Amino acid sequence: MNYNLKKFLVSLFLVLFLTNCGKDFFKKVDTRKVPVNAQERARKNVEEGKGVSINKILNRRGNTNFQFSSSNPLWRASLETLDFLPMTTVDYAGGMIISDWYSDNTASSNESIKITIRFLSNEVRSNSLKIIVHKKICKTISSCNTSILENSAISQELITTIVRKAALMEKADKEKK
């Protein structure tokens, strides 16, 4: 775009913006009717219904429901159940927990597993979680075969354990309230 054209458009915008603001911006105010203290002025504006709030913009009336990781029993139960695994990704906003490759001392040294948990819902139900278990078998360091264990006993047991823990946590949270 031509430099002069840019300059003209910016100038036009500023002129329009400033002339539209001038009517109410420089209005004379009677200090006997308007409080000098900022907090008193804000209180008076709220009482008169003036001002803007986020809830007013979004047409909300205080019926918000925030779900944070510390208040989500399914999330807490999952982390508590998998606390023995090294984690690569723990993302509450994305609803995902991914462990690093893990092998315990009882399995053969060339086998390891990786667990991925996806949160499909915040409700404490077995279908709120999707657990994927990957198994890696390495013949040598550079020769590994990776596969997904579909409907494995590990994933079924993890779902059962996590949902049971989450239900107990949810029950304890409700009793506290």
Foldseek 3Di string as FASTA:
>chain_A
DDPVVVVVVVVVVVVVVVVVCPPPVPDDDDCVVAPPDPVVNVVVCVVVVHDDDPCVVVVHDPPDDDDDLVNQLLNVLLCVVCVVFAWDDDDVVQQKTKTDWDDDPVDPPQKTKIKMWGAQDSDLDLVRIDIWIKMWGAPDPVRIDIDIDPPDPVVVVSSVSSSVRSVVVVVVVVVVD
